Amino acid sequence: MGSQPFRVVQEEINATYLPHGAPPYITYQNGGSCTYFTTGATTDGMFTLYQLGHGRQPSGPAPHFHRSLPLGGSRGAS
């Protein structure tokens, strides 16, 4: 087998319940929204997981992708 990127030292079971239809963390004026599932604060800075909801009208930059995102979100995206 190949090398494993993470080594489990102690099992940890934790979860936060986010019920269906719960309001988003942020709602923008254009109708878009952002819901955080986990942040760097709860993953020891490893990652942030969020869902972006889009409003009815197009806004922002043209469709694009990111090769990587900065840790902690404090620097500009690449």
N, C-alpha and C. Protein backbone atom coordinates (compact mmCIF):
# COMPACT_ATOMS: atom_id res chain seq x y z
N MET A 1 0.82 -1.19 0.00
CA MET A 1 0.00 0.00 0.00
C MET A 1 0.87 1.25 0.00
N GLY A 2 0.33 2.34 -0.55
CA GLY A 2 1.04 3.61 -0.58
C GLY A 2 1.03 4.29 0.78
N SER A 3 1.73 5.37 0.86
CA SER A 3 1.77 6.10 2.12
C SER A 3 0.43 6.78 2.39
N GLN A 4 0.13 6.95 3.64
CA GLN A 4 -1.12 7.59 4.05
C GLN A 4 -0.83 9.04 4.41
N PRO A 5 -1.61 10.00 3.88
CA PRO A 5 -1.33 11.41 4.16
C PRO A 5 -1.63 11.81 5.61
N PHE A 6 -2.51 11.10 6.28
CA PHE A 6 -2.87 11.43 7.65
C PHE A 6 -2.70 10.20 8.53
N ARG A 7 -2.25 10.42 9.71
CA ARG A 7 -2.08 9.34 10.67
C ARG A 7 -3.03 9.59 11.83
N VAL A 8 -3.92 8.66 12.10
CA VAL A 8 -4.87 8.79 13.20
C VAL A 8 -4.19 8.39 14.49
N VAL A 9 -4.05 9.33 15.40
CA VAL A 9 -3.42 9.06 16.68
C VAL A 9 -4.46 8.62 17.69
N GLN A 10 -5.59 9.30 17.70
CA GLN A 10 -6.68 8.96 18.60
C GLN A 10 -7.98 9.22 17.85
N GLU A 11 -8.89 8.27 17.92
CA GLU A 11 -10.17 8.47 17.24
C GLU A 11 -10.94 9.61 17.89
N GLU A 12 -11.58 10.39 17.06
CA GLU A 12 -12.38 11.50 17.56
C GLU A 12 -13.71 11.48 16.81
N ILE A 13 -14.77 11.52 17.53
CA ILE A 13 -16.10 11.56 16.93
C ILE A 13 -16.73 12.88 17.34
N ASN A 14 -17.01 13.72 16.34
CA ASN A 14 -17.70 14.97 16.63
C ASN A 14 -18.51 15.37 15.40
N ALA A 15 -19.52 16.12 15.62
CA ALA A 15 -20.37 16.56 14.52
C ALA A 15 -21.19 17.76 14.96
N THR A 16 -21.60 18.55 14.01
CA THR A 16 -22.54 19.64 14.25
C THR A 16 -23.72 19.41 13.34
N TYR A 17 -24.90 19.42 13.90
CA TYR A 17 -26.11 19.19 13.13
C TYR A 17 -26.53 20.47 12.45
N LEU A 18 -26.69 20.42 11.13
CA LEU A 18 -27.17 21.56 10.36
C LEU A 18 -28.46 21.11 9.68
N PRO A 19 -29.61 21.45 10.26
CA PRO A 19 -30.88 20.96 9.71
C PRO A 19 -31.17 21.52 8.33
N HIS A 20 -31.86 20.75 7.52
CA HIS A 20 -32.29 21.18 6.19
C HIS A 20 -33.11 22.46 6.34
N GLY A 21 -32.82 23.44 5.52
CA GLY A 21 -33.55 24.69 5.57
C GLY A 21 -33.02 25.69 6.59
N ALA A 22 -31.92 25.35 7.27
CA ALA A 22 -31.33 26.30 8.22
C ALA A 22 -30.86 27.53 7.46
N PRO A 23 -30.98 28.71 8.05
CA PRO A 23 -30.55 29.91 7.32
C PRO A 23 -29.04 29.91 7.10
N PRO A 24 -28.58 30.51 5.99
CA PRO A 24 -27.14 30.57 5.73
C PRO A 24 -26.43 31.46 6.73
N TYR A 25 -25.13 31.30 6.83
CA TYR A 25 -24.31 32.12 7.72
C TYR A 25 -24.29 33.56 7.24
N ILE A 26 -24.19 33.74 5.92
CA ILE A 26 -24.16 35.07 5.30
C ILE A 26 -25.16 35.08 4.15
N THR A 27 -25.94 36.14 4.05
CA THR A 27 -26.81 36.34 2.89
C THR A 27 -26.44 37.69 2.27
N TYR A 28 -26.11 37.68 0.99
CA TYR A 28 -25.68 38.89 0.29
C TYR A 28 -26.87 39.63 -0.30
N GLN A 29 -26.66 40.90 -0.61
CA GLN A 29 -27.74 41.73 -1.17
C GLN A 29 -28.28 41.19 -2.48
N ASN A 30 -27.44 40.52 -3.27
CA ASN A 30 -27.89 40.00 -4.56
C ASN A 30 -28.64 38.68 -4.43
N GLY A 31 -28.84 38.20 -3.20
CA GLY A 31 -29.56 36.95 -2.99
C GLY A 31 -28.66 35.75 -2.80
N GLY A 32 -27.36 35.91 -3.03
CA GLY A 32 -26.42 34.82 -2.81
C GLY A 32 -26.23 34.56 -1.33
N SER A 33 -25.62 33.43 -1.00
CA SER A 33 -25.43 33.09 0.41
C SER A 33 -24.18 32.24 0.58
N CYS A 34 -23.75 32.11 1.82
CA CYS A 34 -22.61 31.27 2.17
C CYS A 34 -22.93 30.54 3.47
N THR A 35 -22.78 29.23 3.45
CA THR A 35 -23.00 28.41 4.64
C THR A 35 -21.70 27.66 4.94
N TYR A 36 -21.18 27.84 6.14
CA TYR A 36 -19.96 27.14 6.56
C TYR A 36 -20.32 25.81 7.21
N PHE A 37 -19.66 24.75 6.75
CA PHE A 37 -19.84 23.44 7.37
C PHE A 37 -18.76 23.20 8.41
N THR A 38 -17.55 23.67 8.12
CA THR A 38 -16.46 23.63 9.09
C THR A 38 -15.46 24.71 8.69
N THR A 39 -14.71 25.21 9.65
CA THR A 39 -13.74 26.27 9.39
C THR A 39 -12.35 25.84 9.83
N GLY A 40 -11.38 26.65 9.49
CA GLY A 40 -10.01 26.36 9.92
C GLY A 40 -9.88 26.27 11.43
N ALA A 41 -10.74 26.98 12.15
CA ALA A 41 -10.70 26.94 13.62
C ALA A 41 -11.06 25.56 14.16
N THR A 42 -11.89 24.82 13.45
CA THR A 42 -12.29 23.49 13.93
C THR A 42 -11.52 22.35 13.26
N THR A 43 -10.62 22.68 12.32
CA THR A 43 -9.83 21.64 11.65
C THR A 43 -8.34 21.89 11.83
N ASP A 44 -7.97 22.62 12.88
CA ASP A 44 -6.57 22.97 13.13
C ASP A 44 -5.91 23.61 11.92
N GLY A 45 -6.67 24.43 11.18
CA GLY A 45 -6.14 25.15 10.04
C GLY A 45 -5.96 24.32 8.78
N MET A 46 -6.43 23.07 8.80
CA MET A 46 -6.24 22.20 7.64
C MET A 46 -7.12 22.61 6.45
N PHE A 47 -8.38 22.98 6.70
CA PHE A 47 -9.26 23.35 5.60
C PHE A 47 -10.52 24.03 6.14
N THR A 48 -11.25 24.65 5.23
CA THR A 48 -12.57 25.22 5.49
C THR A 48 -13.50 24.64 4.44
N LEU A 49 -14.66 24.19 4.86
CA LEU A 49 -15.63 23.62 3.93
C LEU A 49 -16.88 24.48 3.98
N TYR A 50 -17.27 25.00 2.83
CA TYR A 50 -18.44 25.87 2.78
C TYR A 50 -19.20 25.66 1.49
N GLN A 51 -20.44 26.13 1.47
CA GLN A 51 -21.29 26.04 0.30
C GLN A 51 -21.71 27.44 -0.10
N LEU A 52 -21.51 27.78 -1.36
CA LEU A 52 -21.95 29.06 -1.87
C LEU A 52 -23.27 28.88 -2.59
N GLY A 53 -24.25 29.69 -2.23
CA GLY A 53 -25.53 29.70 -2.92
C GLY A 53 -25.60 30.93 -3.80
N HIS A 54 -26.13 30.79 -4.98
CA HIS A 54 -26.17 31.90 -5.93
C HIS A 54 -27.57 32.51 -5.98
N GLY A 55 -27.61 33.84 -6.13
CA GLY A 55 -28.88 34.52 -6.29
C GLY A 55 -29.45 34.30 -7.68
N ARG A 56 -30.58 34.91 -7.95
CA ARG A 56 -31.23 34.74 -9.25
C ARG A 56 -30.49 35.45 -10.37
N GLN A 57 -29.86 36.58 -10.08
CA GLN A 57 -29.17 37.35 -11.10
C GLN A 57 -27.67 37.04 -11.07
N PRO A 58 -27.04 36.90 -12.25
CA PRO A 58 -25.59 36.66 -12.29
C PRO A 58 -24.84 37.84 -11.68
N SER A 59 -23.76 37.56 -10.99
CA SER A 59 -22.91 38.61 -10.41
C SER A 59 -21.50 38.06 -10.25
N GLY A 60 -20.57 38.94 -9.99
CA GLY A 60 -19.20 38.52 -9.74
C GLY A 60 -18.45 38.22 -11.03
N PRO A 61 -17.29 37.57 -10.91
CA PRO A 61 -16.47 37.29 -12.09
C PRO A 61 -17.07 36.22 -12.96
N ALA A 62 -16.54 36.11 -14.17
CA ALA A 62 -16.96 35.05 -15.09
C ALA A 62 -16.59 33.69 -14.48
N PRO A 63 -17.24 32.61 -14.92
CA PRO A 63 -16.90 31.29 -14.37
C PRO A 63 -15.40 31.01 -14.47
N HIS A 64 -14.84 30.47 -13.39
CA HIS A 64 -13.42 30.18 -13.33
C HIS A 64 -13.17 29.12 -12.27
N PHE A 65 -11.95 28.65 -12.14
CA PHE A 65 -11.61 27.69 -11.09
C PHE A 65 -10.32 28.12 -10.41
N HIS A 66 -10.09 27.59 -9.24
CA HIS A 66 -8.88 27.87 -8.46
C HIS A 66 -8.04 26.60 -8.40
N ARG A 67 -6.77 26.74 -8.68
CA ARG A 67 -5.86 25.60 -8.53
C ARG A 67 -5.62 25.32 -7.05
N SER A 68 -5.65 26.35 -6.24
CA SER A 68 -5.49 26.19 -4.81
C SER A 68 -6.11 27.40 -4.12
N LEU A 69 -6.43 27.24 -2.87
CA LEU A 69 -6.94 28.34 -2.06
C LEU A 69 -5.99 28.54 -0.90
N PRO A 70 -5.77 29.76 -0.47
CA PRO A 70 -4.85 30.00 0.64
C PRO A 70 -5.39 29.46 1.96
N LEU A 71 -4.51 29.03 2.82
CA LEU A 71 -4.93 28.56 4.13
C LEU A 71 -5.47 29.72 4.93
N GLY A 72 -6.57 29.53 5.60
CA GLY A 72 -7.13 30.56 6.45
C GLY A 72 -7.86 31.67 5.72
N GLY A 73 -7.75 31.72 4.41
CA GLY A 73 -8.49 32.70 3.64
C GLY A 73 -8.00 34.13 3.83
N SER A 74 -6.80 34.34 4.39
CA SER A 74 -6.35 35.70 4.68
C SER A 74 -5.62 36.34 3.50
N ARG A 75 -5.24 35.56 2.50
CA ARG A 75 -4.54 36.10 1.33
C ARG A 75 -5.41 35.98 0.10
N GLY A 76 -5.06 36.66 -0.95
CA GLY A 76 -5.84 36.59 -2.20
C GLY A 76 -5.82 35.19 -2.78
N ALA A 77 -6.90 34.82 -3.45
CA ALA A 77 -6.98 33.49 -4.08
C ALA A 77 -6.08 33.43 -5.29
N SER A 78 -5.61 32.23 -5.60
CA SER A 78 -4.75 32.07 -6.79
C SER A 78 -5.52 31.44 -7.91
